Each structure stands twice: as structure tokens, then as C-alpha cells.
Amino acid sequence: MTEPGLTWRRVTEADFGLLREWLARPHVARWWNHETSPEAVMRDFGPAARGEEPSEDLLALLDGAPVGLLQCCLLADYPEYVAELAPLVDVPAGAMSIDYLVGDPDRIGRGLGTRMIASVLDRIWAVHPSATCVIVPVAAANRRSWRALEKAGLRRIAEGEMEPDNPVDGPAHFLYRADRPSAPRAVPGTGA
């Protein structure tokens, strides 16, 4: 389910101004609850941009223009995250997770989040051959986010309490999962 015109590239330090802008927008700040100072963005995104951290921070580009951010990681690289998930779901070897945002508020509610999720799943299967599944926790109150996951083909596998990203939210979360498809799919623009 690759998307024409939707491509990915790694975030670089040159993108940090754009990330600060997106993180400060109310529709993003509500769910990401992230500091937007230059120091905070450097602290939190710099290690991945420099290749010092095993996660990937990717910009979603629609016809070459940045429209969103996606973070992707192998869960085994973050044992504290696995420990938080383990009481709620089985976390198999090779499990990955994603987090995502659409930066432009004018693009919200138009299917871009779903397209980004579906496209990055194709990318994960192509670029990470050992990935067995993708597990995504989402705040139960974030209906747009969990509906985008469902529309992209992920299935809800559990409900439970987790530490919310934003303290104004309760601990209720839904957990979604996509398993590696049996037939490999090529991903345009990735060389895979």
C-alpha cells in the first residue's frame, strides 16, 4: 500500500527548526507534550540525527515537501519501553514501534496520517528484514490517532494503563499491532 508522492528521509539537524515549529502547534502539542526550545529539540532529536541512537526519526515528504514526522525503533533497543508494554501485550523478538505526527494543521482529517502509517509499514518491512511486527500504544483519548492506525490496517490487540505522554490525559491506552506480511513488497524511493 505504498503511496505515490510520499517518501521518507532521515531527520537532520537542519530540520530542527521545522520540528520546533510543528511541536509548538496546538494539534501536535496536545498529544506530544514536547518542549520546543532549541536545546530540548537538540537533546531529544540530535542523537538519532547523528546516528548515536538506534531509533530512526524520519520526515514524511509529500511530493518533496515535509508534511510529518515519524519515529521508528526496535523495541529491544529500549528495555524500559518493553517493560512498560509487557504487562499488556506479548513483545516478540523483532518487534518495532512507531510514533508519528502530521505537521500542518490544514492536512489533519484528510487521510494523511493513515497514508503515512501505511507507507512507513511498507518501509519497515523492506528496510528492517528482522522486524516481525509493529506494536503501537496510543492514548485512548486520541481518537484520530487510533482511527488512523485502524485505517492503515493495524488491529487493536489490548487495552490497558500506561504513563501518558501528556499529564492531562488519563492512563488508558489502546495497543495496536501489524504483523510482517508473508509476501515482501517493494517500496519506491528507498532502493528496497
Protein backbone atom coordinates (compact mmCIF):
# COMPACT_ATOMS: atom_id res chain seq x y z
CA MET A 1 0.00 0.00 0.00
CA THR A 2 2.77 2.44 -0.90
CA GLU A 3 1.69 5.99 -1.62
CA PRO A 4 2.65 7.83 -4.79
CA GLY A 5 4.40 11.07 -3.93
CA LEU A 6 5.05 10.06 -0.29
CA THR A 7 8.72 9.45 0.51
CA TRP A 8 10.92 9.35 3.59
CA ARG A 9 14.26 10.72 4.63
CA ARG A 10 16.16 10.83 7.89
CA VAL A 11 15.82 13.94 10.01
CA THR A 12 18.96 16.09 10.11
CA GLU A 13 19.87 18.96 12.40
CA ALA A 14 18.87 21.31 9.58
CA ASP A 15 15.25 20.13 10.17
CA PHE A 16 15.17 21.07 13.85
CA GLY A 17 13.61 24.49 13.22
CA LEU A 18 10.74 22.80 11.38
CA LEU A 19 10.34 20.23 14.18
CA ARG A 20 10.20 23.02 16.75
CA GLU A 21 7.50 24.73 14.71
CA TRP A 22 5.45 21.53 14.40
CA LEU A 23 5.85 20.57 18.06
CA ALA A 24 4.57 24.02 19.11
CA ARG A 25 1.38 23.77 17.03
CA PRO A 26 -1.67 23.08 19.22
CA HIS A 27 -2.77 19.95 17.34
CA VAL A 28 0.69 18.40 17.90
CA ALA A 29 1.46 19.86 21.34
CA ARG A 30 -1.78 18.36 22.68
CA TRP A 31 -0.52 14.81 22.16
CA TRP A 32 3.27 15.08 22.04
CA ASN A 33 3.64 17.47 25.01
CA HIS A 34 7.23 18.18 23.97
CA GLU A 35 9.50 21.05 24.94
CA THR A 36 10.15 23.28 21.92
CA SER A 37 13.28 25.16 22.94
CA PRO A 38 16.26 24.73 20.60
CA GLU A 39 18.08 22.93 23.42
CA ALA A 40 15.22 20.47 24.02
CA VAL A 41 14.86 19.64 20.33
CA MET A 42 18.64 19.16 20.05
CA ARG A 43 18.64 16.97 23.17
CA ASP A 44 15.75 14.77 22.02
CA PHE A 45 16.31 14.57 18.26
CA GLY A 46 20.06 15.18 17.96
CA PRO A 47 21.28 11.69 18.91
CA ALA A 48 19.11 9.98 16.27
CA ALA A 49 20.02 12.59 13.65
CA ARG A 50 23.72 11.99 14.33
CA GLY A 51 23.31 8.19 14.31
CA GLU A 52 24.18 7.93 18.02
CA GLU A 53 20.85 6.36 18.94
CA PRO A 54 19.32 3.24 17.37
CA SER A 55 15.95 4.86 16.60
CA GLU A 56 15.11 6.49 13.28
CA ASP A 57 13.50 9.92 13.04
CA LEU A 58 12.06 10.29 9.55
CA LEU A 59 10.47 13.20 7.72
CA ALA A 60 7.48 12.32 5.59
CA LEU A 61 7.69 14.19 2.30
CA LEU A 62 4.67 14.59 0.07
CA ASP A 63 5.80 15.49 -3.44
CA GLY A 64 9.08 16.63 -1.87
CA ALA A 65 7.57 18.91 0.80
CA PRO A 66 7.84 17.93 4.50
CA VAL A 67 4.41 17.10 5.95
CA GLY A 68 5.08 14.95 9.01
CA LEU A 69 7.46 13.21 11.36
CA LEU A 70 7.70 9.55 12.15
CA GLN A 71 9.84 7.89 14.78
CA CYS A 72 10.65 4.21 14.39
CA CYS A 73 12.51 1.92 16.78
CA LEU A 74 13.26 -1.69 17.55
CA LEU A 75 11.63 -2.21 20.92
CA ALA A 76 14.51 -4.40 22.18
CA ASP A 77 16.73 -1.30 21.98
CA TYR A 78 14.57 0.33 24.69
CA PRO A 79 14.15 -2.16 27.57
CA GLU A 80 12.24 0.35 29.71
CA TYR A 81 9.62 0.64 26.95
CA VAL A 82 9.37 -3.15 26.66
CA ALA A 83 8.91 -3.33 30.46
CA GLU A 84 6.00 -0.88 30.21
CA LEU A 85 4.37 -2.83 27.37
CA ALA A 86 5.00 -6.35 28.70
CA PRO A 87 2.15 -6.42 31.27
CA LEU A 88 -0.30 -5.58 28.46
CA VAL A 89 0.97 -7.48 25.40
CA ASP A 90 3.49 -10.06 24.31
CA VAL A 91 6.51 -8.24 22.83
CA PRO A 92 8.17 -10.73 20.47
CA ALA A 93 11.76 -10.57 19.28
CA GLY A 94 11.97 -8.22 16.31
CA ALA A 95 9.00 -6.09 17.43
CA MET A 96 9.22 -2.44 16.41
CA SER A 97 7.18 0.63 17.30
CA ILE A 98 6.34 3.94 15.69
CA ASP A 99 5.20 7.38 16.74
CA TYR A 100 4.03 9.99 14.26
CA LEU A 101 2.64 13.44 13.68
CA VAL A 102 1.22 15.45 10.82
CA GLY A 103 2.83 18.89 11.00
CA ASP A 104 0.38 21.03 9.02
CA PRO A 105 -3.00 21.51 10.74
CA ASP A 106 -4.65 22.03 7.32
CA ARG A 107 -3.79 18.40 6.48
CA ILE A 108 -5.44 16.92 9.57
CA GLY A 109 -8.55 14.82 8.92
CA ARG A 110 -7.69 14.24 5.24
CA GLY A 111 -6.15 10.78 5.49
CA LEU A 112 -2.50 11.86 5.52
CA GLY A 113 -1.78 10.19 8.87
CA THR A 114 -3.20 6.91 7.58
CA ARG A 115 -1.17 7.22 4.39
CA MET A 116 2.00 7.93 6.38
CA ILE A 117 1.45 4.92 8.65
CA ALA A 118 0.72 2.56 5.75
CA SER A 119 3.73 3.82 3.82
CA VAL A 120 6.12 3.52 6.76
CA LEU A 121 4.93 -0.03 7.43
CA ASP A 122 5.94 -0.91 3.86
CA ARG A 123 9.28 0.79 4.53
CA ILE A 124 9.80 -1.11 7.79
CA TRP A 125 9.18 -4.48 6.12
CA ALA A 126 11.61 -3.57 3.31
CA VAL A 127 14.38 -1.90 5.33
CA HIS A 128 14.26 -3.97 8.53
CA PRO A 129 14.26 -7.64 7.47
CA SER A 130 14.29 -8.87 11.09
CA ALA A 131 11.18 -6.86 12.04
CA THR A 132 8.43 -9.30 12.99
CA CYS A 133 5.68 -6.85 13.89
CA VAL A 134 4.93 -3.24 14.79
CA ILE A 135 3.27 -2.52 18.15
CA VAL A 136 1.89 0.96 18.74
CA PRO A 137 0.41 2.23 22.01
CA VAL A 138 -1.86 5.24 21.68
CA ALA A 139 -3.77 7.26 24.27
CA ALA A 140 -7.38 6.09 24.25
CA ALA A 141 -8.47 9.73 24.11
CA ASN A 142 -6.54 10.29 20.86
CA ARG A 143 -9.29 9.03 18.58
CA ARG A 144 -7.76 10.48 15.39
CA SER A 145 -4.54 8.62 16.00
CA TRP A 146 -6.05 5.21 16.74
CA ARG A 147 -8.50 5.55 13.85
CA ALA A 148 -5.55 6.28 11.51
CA LEU A 149 -3.86 3.10 12.77
CA GLU A 150 -7.02 1.09 12.12
CA LYS A 151 -7.45 2.54 8.63
CA ALA A 152 -3.80 1.68 7.89
CA GLY A 153 -4.54 -1.95 8.72
CA LEU A 154 -3.33 -2.30 12.31
CA ARG A 155 -5.56 -4.20 14.71
CA ARG A 156 -6.28 -3.40 18.32
CA ILE A 157 -4.78 -6.14 20.46
CA ALA A 158 -5.07 -4.79 24.00
CA GLU A 159 -6.23 -2.02 26.27
CA GLY A 160 -4.55 -1.00 29.49
CA GLU A 161 -2.90 1.66 31.57
CA MET A 162 0.38 3.28 30.57
CA GLU A 163 2.10 6.52 31.51
CA PRO A 164 0.55 9.20 29.24
CA ASP A 165 2.76 11.50 27.16
CA ASN A 166 0.65 14.42 28.32
CA PRO A 167 -0.18 14.55 32.04
CA VAL A 168 -3.66 15.93 31.24
CA ASP A 169 -4.57 12.52 29.80
CA GLY A 170 -5.55 9.53 31.85
CA PRO A 171 -3.50 6.35 31.67
CA ALA A 172 -5.94 4.49 29.37
CA HIS A 173 -4.23 3.31 26.18
CA PHE A 174 -5.10 1.12 23.22
CA LEU A 175 -2.38 -1.06 21.72
CA TYR A 176 -2.30 -1.83 18.02
CA ARG A 177 -0.28 -4.34 16.03
CA ALA A 178 0.66 -5.08 12.44
CA ASP A 179 2.49 -8.29 11.56
CA ARG A 180 5.03 -8.68 8.78
CA PRO A 181 3.18 -9.70 5.62
CA SER A 182 4.11 -13.07 4.18
CA ALA A 183 4.96 -11.65 0.73
CA PRO A 184 7.61 -8.89 0.56
CA ARG A 185 6.62 -5.59 -1.01
CA ALA A 186 8.90 -3.13 -2.79
CA VAL A 187 8.98 0.45 -1.52
CA PRO A 188 9.52 3.20 -4.11
CA GLY A 189 12.14 5.76 -3.20
CA THR A 190 14.02 3.55 -0.72
CA GLY A 191 16.06 1.37 -3.04
CA ALA A 192 14.36 -1.65 -1.49
